[in-house]
Amino acid sequence: MSQETLIDFPADIAVKAMGLNQNDFETLVTQLLEPLLGSQVATVTTLSSKGGKYLSVSVRFTATNLEQLHAIYAALRNEPRVLYTL
């Protein structure tokens, strides 16, 4: 049975991970995604919460297929320092 998606691949995707703004959270997120993105060029942007306690890290890349997208979200969900993903 094939799985139908609402996304046509390859697709420009932005993944967002949020966590406490400590211990180089941005580096953690990019290191988690590097093996899954391969040689793709990703754009990384960050935004601190108003009080500076939390950091949002957005990674924009071209997703090649649904499996890659699932693997990226799984890697982020399995990291205890990542509190939320979008």
PDB file of N, CA and C in Angstrom:
ATOM      1  N   MET A   1       0.849  -1.167   0.000  1.00  0.00           N
ATOM      2  CA  MET A   1       0.000   0.000   0.000  1.00  0.00           C
ATOM      3  C   MET A   1       0.901   1.238   0.000  1.00  0.00           C
ATOM      4  N   SER A   2       0.678   2.148  -0.917  1.00  0.00           N
ATOM      5  CA  SER A   2       1.486   3.358  -0.965  1.00  0.00           C
ATOM      6  C   SER A   2       0.853   4.425  -0.080  1.00  0.00           C
ATOM      7  N   GLN A   3       1.709   5.255   0.448  1.00  0.00           N
ATOM      8  CA  GLN A   3       1.236   6.316   1.331  1.00  0.00           C
ATOM      9  C   GLN A   3       1.155   7.608   0.528  1.00  0.00           C
ATOM     10  N   GLU A   4      -0.014   8.213   0.493  1.00  0.00           N
ATOM     11  CA  GLU A   4      -0.199   9.460  -0.221  1.00  0.00           C
ATOM     12  C   GLU A   4       0.180  10.618   0.694  1.00  0.00           C
ATOM     13  N   THR A   5       0.865  11.607   0.143  1.00  0.00           N
ATOM     14  CA  THR A   5       1.246  12.762   0.947  1.00  0.00           C
ATOM     15  C   THR A   5       0.693  14.037   0.327  1.00  0.00           C
ATOM     16  N   LEU A   6       0.638  15.054   1.123  1.00  0.00           N
ATOM     17  CA  LEU A   6       0.206  16.362   0.654  1.00  0.00           C
ATOM     18  C   LEU A   6       1.394  17.201   0.192  1.00  0.00           C
ATOM     19  N   ILE A   7       2.586  16.642   0.297  1.00  0.00           N
ATOM     20  CA  ILE A   7       3.808  17.341  -0.082  1.00  0.00           C
ATOM     21  C   ILE A   7       4.381  16.687  -1.330  1.00  0.00           C
ATOM     22  N   ASP A   8       4.724  17.492  -2.309  1.00  0.00           N
ATOM     23  CA  ASP A   8       5.414  16.997  -3.497  1.00  0.00           C
ATOM     24  C   ASP A   8       6.912  17.147  -3.269  1.00  0.00           C
ATOM     25  N   PHE A   9       7.626  16.030  -3.341  1.00  0.00           N
ATOM     26  CA  PHE A   9       9.074  16.041  -3.110  1.00  0.00           C
ATOM     27  C   PHE A   9       9.808  16.097  -4.429  1.00  0.00           C
ATOM     28  N   PRO A  10      10.975  16.742  -4.461  1.00  0.00           N
ATOM     29  CA  PRO A  10      11.630  17.464  -3.371  1.00  0.00           C
ATOM     30  C   PRO A  10      10.855  18.723  -3.000  1.00  0.00           C
ATOM     31  N   ALA A  11      10.963  19.110  -1.719  1.00  0.00           N
ATOM     32  CA  ALA A  11      10.204  20.252  -1.214  1.00  0.00           C
ATOM     33  C   ALA A  11      11.050  21.083  -0.258  1.00  0.00           C
ATOM     34  N   ASP A  12      10.888  22.389  -0.336  1.00  0.00           N
ATOM     35  CA  ASP A  12      11.553  23.301   0.589  1.00  0.00           C
ATOM     36  C   ASP A  12      10.804  23.233   1.920  1.00  0.00           C
ATOM     37  N   ILE A  13      11.507  22.828   2.974  1.00  0.00           N
ATOM     38  CA  ILE A  13      10.891  22.585   4.282  1.00  0.00           C
ATOM     39  C   ILE A  13      11.647  23.377   5.350  1.00  0.00           C
ATOM     40  N   ALA A  14      10.917  23.874   6.330  1.00  0.00           N
ATOM     41  CA  ALA A  14      11.529  24.492   7.506  1.00  0.00           C
ATOM     42  C   ALA A  14      11.093  23.692   8.728  1.00  0.00           C
ATOM     43  N   VAL A  15      12.065  23.218   9.478  1.00  0.00           N
ATOM     44  CA  VAL A  15      11.818  22.469  10.707  1.00  0.00           C
ATOM     45  C   VAL A  15      12.259  23.356  11.861  1.00  0.00           C
ATOM     46  N   LYS A  16      11.453  23.410  12.907  1.00  0.00           N
ATOM     47  CA  LYS A  16      11.772  24.263  14.050  1.00  0.00           C
ATOM     48  C   LYS A  16      11.860  23.404  15.309  1.00  0.00           C
ATOM     49  N   ALA A  17      12.927  23.610  16.085  1.00  0.00           N
ATOM     50  CA  ALA A  17      13.109  22.934  17.367  1.00  0.00           C
ATOM     51  C   ALA A  17      13.256  23.997  18.442  1.00  0.00           C
ATOM     52  N   MET A  18      12.580  23.787  19.567  1.00  0.00           N
ATOM     53  CA  MET A  18      12.647  24.746  20.662  1.00  0.00           C
ATOM     54  C   MET A  18      13.143  24.059  21.928  1.00  0.00           C
ATOM     55  N   GLY A  19      13.994  24.767  22.659  1.00  0.00           N
ATOM     56  CA  GLY A  19      14.526  24.232  23.899  1.00  0.00           C
ATOM     57  C   GLY A  19      15.084  25.351  24.755  1.00  0.00           C
ATOM     58  N   LEU A  20      15.645  24.978  25.897  1.00  0.00           N
ATOM     59  CA  LEU A  20      16.256  25.968  26.784  1.00  0.00           C
ATOM     60  C   LEU A  20      17.479  26.576  26.106  1.00  0.00           C
ATOM     61  N   ASN A  21      17.652  27.861  26.263  1.00  0.00           N
ATOM     62  CA  ASN A  21      18.756  28.590  25.639  1.00  0.00           C
ATOM     63  C   ASN A  21      20.011  28.427  26.498  1.00  0.00           C
ATOM     64  N   GLN A  22      20.572  27.224  26.456  1.00  0.00           N
ATOM     65  CA  GLN A  22      21.772  26.931  27.236  1.00  0.00           C
ATOM     66  C   GLN A  22      22.567  25.825  26.565  1.00  0.00           C
ATOM     67  N   ASN A  23      23.838  25.732  26.935  1.00  0.00           N
ATOM     68  CA  ASN A  23      24.720  24.665  26.454  1.00  0.00           C
ATOM     69  C   ASN A  23      24.714  24.522  24.938  1.00  0.00           C
ATOM     70  N   ASP A  24      24.702  25.638  24.227  1.00  0.00           N
ATOM     71  CA  ASP A  24      24.805  25.663  22.772  1.00  0.00           C
ATOM     72  C   ASP A  24      23.726  24.811  22.092  1.00  0.00           C
ATOM     73  N   PHE A  25      22.484  25.135  22.376  1.00  0.00           N
ATOM     74  CA  PHE A  25      21.331  24.416  21.831  1.00  0.00           C
ATOM     75  C   PHE A  25      21.324  24.429  20.299  1.00  0.00           C
ATOM     76  N   GLU A  26      21.723  25.545  19.697  1.00  0.00           N
ATOM     77  CA  GLU A  26      21.755  25.631  18.231  1.00  0.00           C
ATOM     78  C   GLU A  26      22.688  24.576  17.639  1.00  0.00           C
ATOM     79  N   THR A  27      23.866  24.427  18.226  1.00  0.00           N
ATOM     80  CA  THR A  27      24.823  23.426  17.749  1.00  0.00           C
ATOM     81  C   THR A  27      24.260  22.024  17.899  1.00  0.00           C
ATOM     82  N   LEU A  28      23.601  21.754  19.002  1.00  0.00           N
ATOM     83  CA  LEU A  28      22.982  20.447  19.219  1.00  0.00           C
ATOM     84  C   LEU A  28      22.011  20.116  18.088  1.00  0.00           C
ATOM     85  N   VAL A  29      21.127  21.051  17.763  1.00  0.00           N
ATOM     86  CA  VAL A  29      20.120  20.810  16.725  1.00  0.00           C
ATOM     87  C   VAL A  29      20.789  20.570  15.374  1.00  0.00           C
ATOM     88  N   THR A  30      21.755  21.402  15.019  1.00  0.00           N
ATOM     89  CA  THR A  30      22.400  21.228  13.714  1.00  0.00           C
ATOM     90  C   THR A  30      23.181  19.918  13.649  1.00  0.00           C
ATOM     91  N   GLN A  31      23.805  19.510  14.750  1.00  0.00           N
ATOM     92  CA  GLN A  31      24.527  18.238  14.760  1.00  0.00           C
ATOM     93  C   GLN A  31      23.580  17.046  14.654  1.00  0.00           C
ATOM     94  N   LEU A  32      22.383  17.161  15.222  1.00  0.00           N
ATOM     95  CA  LEU A  32      21.396  16.088  15.094  1.00  0.00           C
ATOM     96  C   LEU A  32      20.959  15.910  13.640  1.00  0.00           C
ATOM     97  N   LEU A  33      20.839  17.019  12.919  1.00  0.00           N
ATOM     98  CA  LEU A  33      20.302  16.966  11.564  1.00  0.00           C
ATOM     99  C   LEU A  33      21.351  16.736  10.483  1.00  0.00           C
ATOM    100  N   GLU A  34      22.607  17.051  10.756  1.00  0.00           N
ATOM    101  CA  GLU A  34      23.661  16.904   9.745  1.00  0.00           C
ATOM    102  C   GLU A  34      23.690  15.535   9.079  1.00  0.00           C
ATOM    103  N   PRO A  35      23.672  14.428   9.830  1.00  0.00           N
ATOM    104  CA  PRO A  35      23.735  13.117   9.173  1.00  0.00           C
ATOM    105  C   PRO A  35      22.513  12.824   8.300  1.00  0.00           C
ATOM    106  N   LEU A  36      21.390  13.441   8.624  1.00  0.00           N
ATOM    107  CA  LEU A  36      20.158  13.187   7.881  1.00  0.00           C
ATOM    108  C   LEU A  36      20.031  14.073   6.648  1.00  0.00           C
ATOM    109  N   LEU A  37      20.747  15.184   6.637  1.00  0.00           N
ATOM    110  CA  LEU A  37      20.695  16.094   5.493  1.00  0.00           C
ATOM    111  C   LEU A  37      21.788  15.800   4.475  1.00  0.00           C
ATOM    112  N   GLY A  38      22.801  15.042   4.877  1.00  0.00           N
ATOM    113  CA  GLY A  38      23.878  14.717   3.950  1.00  0.00           C
ATOM    114  C   GLY A  38      24.596  15.976   3.498  1.00  0.00           C
ATOM    115  N   SER A  39      24.799  16.084   2.192  1.00  0.00           N
ATOM    116  CA  SER A  39      25.548  17.218   1.648  1.00  0.00           C
ATOM    117  C   SER A  39      24.662  18.418   1.336  1.00  0.00           C
ATOM    118  N   GLN A  40      23.389  18.341   1.687  1.00  0.00           N
ATOM    119  CA  GLN A  40      22.477  19.454   1.421  1.00  0.00           C
ATOM    120  C   GLN A  40      22.891  20.698   2.202  1.00  0.00           C
ATOM    121  N   VAL A  41      22.679  21.831   1.599  1.00  0.00           N
ATOM    122  CA  VAL A  41      22.931  23.102   2.270  1.00  0.00           C
ATOM    123  C   VAL A  41      21.664  23.485   3.024  1.00  0.00           C
ATOM    124  N   ALA A  42      21.810  23.748   4.308  1.00  0.00           N
ATOM    125  CA  ALA A  42      20.666  24.145   5.134  1.00  0.00           C
ATOM    126  C   ALA A  42      20.898  25.566   5.634  1.00  0.00           C
ATOM    127  N   THR A  43      19.813  26.298   5.781  1.00  0.00           N
ATOM    128  CA  THR A  43      19.864  27.634   6.354  1.00  0.00           C
ATOM    129  C   THR A  43      19.350  27.546   7.784  1.00  0.00           C
ATOM    130  N   VAL A  44      20.140  28.027   8.730  1.00  0.00           N
ATOM    131  CA  VAL A  44      19.780  27.952  10.143  1.00  0.00           C
ATOM    132  C   VAL A  44      19.557  29.367  10.669  1.00  0.00           C
ATOM    133  N   THR A  45      18.409  29.570  11.313  1.00  0.00           N
ATOM    134  CA  THR A  45      18.124  30.844  11.971  1.00  0.00           C
ATOM    135  C   THR A  45      17.678  30.562  13.399  1.00  0.00           C
ATOM    136  N   THR A  46      17.927  31.508  14.286  1.00  0.00           N
ATOM    137  CA  THR A  46      17.543  31.339  15.687  1.00  0.00           C
ATOM    138  C   THR A  46      16.760  32.553  16.164  1.00  0.00           C
ATOM    139  N   LEU A  47      15.970  32.318  17.193  1.00  0.00           N
ATOM    140  CA  LEU A  47      15.204  33.390  17.819  1.00  0.00           C
ATOM    141  C   LEU A  47      15.080  33.071  19.306  1.00  0.00           C
ATOM    142  N   SER A  48      15.517  33.996  20.145  1.00  0.00           N
ATOM    143  CA  SER A  48      15.398  33.830  21.594  1.00  0.00           C
ATOM    144  C   SER A  48      14.032  34.308  22.055  1.00  0.00           C
ATOM    145  N   SER A  49      13.542  33.700  23.126  1.00  0.00           N
ATOM    146  CA  SER A  49      12.300  34.174  23.728  1.00  0.00           C
ATOM    147  C   SER A  49      12.543  35.552  24.334  1.00  0.00           C
ATOM    148  N   LYS A  50      11.481  36.236  24.658  1.00  0.00           N
ATOM    149  CA  LYS A  50      11.582  37.607  25.177  1.00  0.00           C
ATOM    150  C   LYS A  50      12.506  37.689  26.395  1.00  0.00           C
ATOM    151  N   GLY A  51      12.401  36.731  27.293  1.00  0.00           N
ATOM    152  CA  GLY A  51      13.238  36.722  28.488  1.00  0.00           C
ATOM    153  C   GLY A  51      14.574  36.030  28.288  1.00  0.00           C
ATOM    154  N   GLY A  52      14.779  35.411  27.118  1.00  0.00           N
ATOM    155  CA  GLY A  52      16.039  34.743  26.826  1.00  0.00           C
ATOM    156  C   GLY A  52      16.160  33.335  27.369  1.00  0.00           C
ATOM    157  N   LYS A  53      15.120  32.815  27.991  1.00  0.00           N
ATOM    158  CA  LYS A  53      15.191  31.480  28.588  1.00  0.00           C
ATOM    159  C   LYS A  53      15.150  30.379  27.528  1.00  0.00           C
ATOM    160  N   TYR A  54      14.417  30.606  26.440  1.00  0.00           N
ATOM    161  CA  TYR A  54      14.235  29.593  25.400  1.00  0.00           C
ATOM    162  C   TYR A  54      14.838  30.053  24.080  1.00  0.00           C
ATOM    163  N   LEU A  55      15.193  29.072  23.255  1.00  0.00           N
ATOM    164  CA  LEU A  55      15.737  29.360  21.938  1.00  0.00           C
ATOM    165  C   LEU A  55      15.002  28.512  20.911  1.00  0.00           C
ATOM    166  N   SER A  56      14.611  29.150  19.825  1.00  0.00           N
ATOM    167  CA  SER A  56      13.985  28.468  18.702  1.00  0.00           C
ATOM    168  C   SER A  56      15.019  28.397  17.583  1.00  0.00           C
ATOM    169  N   VAL A  57      15.252  27.192  17.066  1.00  0.00           N
ATOM    170  CA  VAL A  57      16.204  26.988  15.975  1.00  0.00           C
ATOM    171  C   VAL A  57      15.425  26.489  14.768  1.00  0.00           C
ATOM    172  N   SER A  58      15.441  27.268  13.691  1.00  0.00           N
ATOM    173  CA  SER A  58      14.767  26.880  12.450  1.00  0.00           C
ATOM    174  C   SER A  58      15.813  26.442  11.438  1.00  0.00           C
ATOM    175  N   VAL A  59      15.564  25.294  10.814  1.00  0.00           N
ATOM    176  CA  VAL A  59      16.472  24.765   9.800  1.00  0.00           C
ATOM    177  C   VAL A  59      15.672  24.604   8.516  1.00  0.00           C
ATOM    178  N   ARG A  60      16.076  25.330   7.478  1.00  0.00           N
ATOM    179  CA  ARG A  60      15.395  25.262   6.180  1.00  0.00           C
ATOM    180  C   ARG A  60      16.286  24.473   5.218  1.00  0.00           C
ATOM    181  N   PHE A  61      15.685  23.499   4.534  1.00  0.00           N
ATOM    182  CA  PHE A  61      16.423  22.623   3.630  1.00  0.00           C
ATOM    183  C   PHE A  61      15.462  22.077   2.583  1.00  0.00           C
ATOM    184  N   THR A  62      15.985  21.356   1.618  1.00  0.00           N
ATOM    185  CA  THR A  62      15.159  20.706   0.610  1.00  0.00           C
ATOM    186  C   THR A  62      15.013  19.240   0.996  1.00  0.00           C
ATOM    187  N   ALA A  63      13.809  18.856   1.386  1.00  0.00           N
ATOM    188  CA  ALA A  63      13.535  17.460   1.752  1.00  0.00           C
ATOM    189  C   ALA A  63      13.394  16.640   0.475  1.00  0.00           C
ATOM    190  N   THR A  64      14.042  15.488   0.442  1.00  0.00           N
ATOM    191  CA  THR A  64      14.013  14.656  -0.758  1.00  0.00           C
ATOM    192  C   THR A  64      12.860  13.663  -0.762  1.00  0.00           C
ATOM    193  N   ASN A  65      12.412  13.255   0.430  1.00  0.00           N
ATOM    194  CA  ASN A  65      11.302  12.298   0.501  1.00  0.00           C
ATOM    195  C   ASN A  65      10.689  12.314   1.903  1.00  0.00           C
ATOM    196  N   LEU A  66       9.571  11.642   2.034  1.00  0.00           N
ATOM    197  CA  LEU A  66       8.844  11.610   3.302  1.00  0.00           C
ATOM    198  C   LEU A  66       9.636  10.888   4.391  1.00  0.00           C
ATOM    199  N   GLU A  67      10.365   9.851   4.019  1.00  0.00           N
ATOM    200  CA  GLU A  67      11.155   9.100   4.997  1.00  0.00           C
ATOM    201  C   GLU A  67      12.209   9.996   5.645  1.00  0.00           C
ATOM    202  N   GLN A  68      12.835  10.856   4.846  1.00  0.00           N
ATOM    203  CA  GLN A  68      13.828  11.781   5.385  1.00  0.00           C
ATOM    204  C   GLN A  68      13.178  12.727   6.391  1.00  0.00           C
ATOM    205  N   LEU A  69      12.013  13.221   6.051  1.00  0.00           N
ATOM    206  CA  LEU A  69      11.300  14.139   6.937  1.00  0.00           C
ATOM    207  C   LEU A  69      10.923  13.455   8.253  1.00  0.00           C
ATOM    208  N   HIS A  70      10.440  12.222   8.167  1.00  0.00           N
ATOM    209  CA  HIS A  70      10.111  11.460   9.378  1.00  0.00           C
ATOM    210  C   HIS A  70      11.358  11.225  10.232  1.00  0.00           C
ATOM    211  N   ALA A  71      12.481  10.910   9.599  1.00  0.00           N
ATOM    212  CA  ALA A  71      13.727  10.657  10.332  1.00  0.00           C
ATOM    213  C   ALA A  71      14.207  11.916  11.052  1.00  0.00           C
ATOM    214  N   ILE A  72      14.045  13.064  10.419  1.00  0.00           N
ATOM    215  CA  ILE A  72      14.458  14.328  11.029  1.00  0.00           C
ATOM    216  C   ILE A  72      13.615  14.620  12.265  1.00  0.00           C
ATOM    217  N   TYR A  73      12.305  14.485  12.136  1.00  0.00           N
ATOM    218  CA  TYR A  73      11.442  14.739  13.298  1.00  0.00           C
ATOM    219  C   TYR A  73      11.687  13.713  14.402  1.00  0.00           C
ATOM    220  N   ALA A  74      11.971  12.462  14.046  1.00  0.00           N
ATOM    221  CA  ALA A  74      12.261  11.437  15.054  1.00  0.00           C
ATOM    222  C   ALA A  74      13.541  11.781  15.813  1.00  0.00           C
ATOM    223  N   ALA A  75      14.564  12.226  15.103  1.00  0.00           N
ATOM    224  CA  ALA A  75      15.828  12.597  15.756  1.00  0.00           C
ATOM    225  C   ALA A  75      15.612  13.741  16.740  1.00  0.00           C
ATOM    226  N   LEU A  76      14.804  14.710  16.355  1.00  0.00           N
ATOM    227  CA  LEU A  76      14.531  15.836  17.254  1.00  0.00           C
ATOM    228  C   LEU A  76      13.686  15.408  18.449  1.00  0.00           C
ATOM    229  N   ARG A  77      12.678  14.578  18.206  1.00  0.00           N
ATOM    230  CA  ARG A  77      11.807  14.111  19.303  1.00  0.00           C
ATOM    231  C   ARG A  77      12.564  13.256  20.310  1.00  0.00           C
ATOM    232  N   ASN A  78      13.558  12.515  19.848  1.00  0.00           N
ATOM    233  CA  ASN A  78      14.310  11.617  20.728  1.00  0.00           C
ATOM    234  C   ASN A  78      15.382  12.329  21.548  1.00  0.00           C
ATOM    235  N   GLU A  79      15.597  13.597  21.298  1.00  0.00           N
ATOM    236  CA  GLU A  79      16.585  14.375  22.053  1.00  0.00           C
ATOM    237  C   GLU A  79      15.891  15.061  23.228  1.00  0.00           C
ATOM    238  N   PRO A  80      16.274  14.717  24.474  1.00  0.00           N
ATOM    239  CA  PRO A  80      15.604  15.281  25.652  1.00  0.00           C
ATOM    240  C   PRO A  80      15.667  16.806  25.756  1.00  0.00           C
ATOM    241  N   ARG A  81      16.694  17.432  25.201  1.00  0.00           N
ATOM    242  CA  ARG A  81      16.811  18.894  25.297  1.00  0.00           C
ATOM    243  C   ARG A  81      15.866  19.621  24.347  1.00  0.00           C
ATOM    244  N   VAL A  82      15.333  18.913  23.356  1.00  0.00           N
ATOM    245  CA  VAL A  82      14.354  19.522  22.447  1.00  0.00           C
ATOM    246  C   VAL A  82      12.985  19.402  23.108  1.00  0.00           C
ATOM    247  N   LEU A  83      12.397  20.537  23.445  1.00  0.00           N
ATOM    248  CA  LEU A  83      11.119  20.543  24.155  1.00  0.00           C
ATOM    249  C   LEU A  83       9.928  20.490  23.210  1.00  0.00           C
ATOM    250  N   TYR A  84      10.031  21.155  22.055  1.00  0.00           N
ATOM    251  CA  TYR A  84       8.937  21.196  21.071  1.00  0.00           C
ATOM    252  C   TYR A  84       9.514  21.195  19.671  1.00  0.00           C
ATOM    253  N   THR A  85       8.750  20.653  18.735  1.00  0.00           N
ATOM    254  CA  THR A  85       9.121  20.726  17.321  1.00  0.00           C
ATOM    255  C   THR A  85       7.925  21.188  16.506  1.00  0.00           C
ATOM    256  N   LEU A  86       8.210  21.880  15.440  1.00  0.00           N
ATOM    257  CA  LEU A  86       7.192  22.311  14.475  1.00  0.00           C
ATOM    258  C   LEU A  86       7.698  22.007  13.082  1.00  0.00           C
TER     259      LEU A  86
END
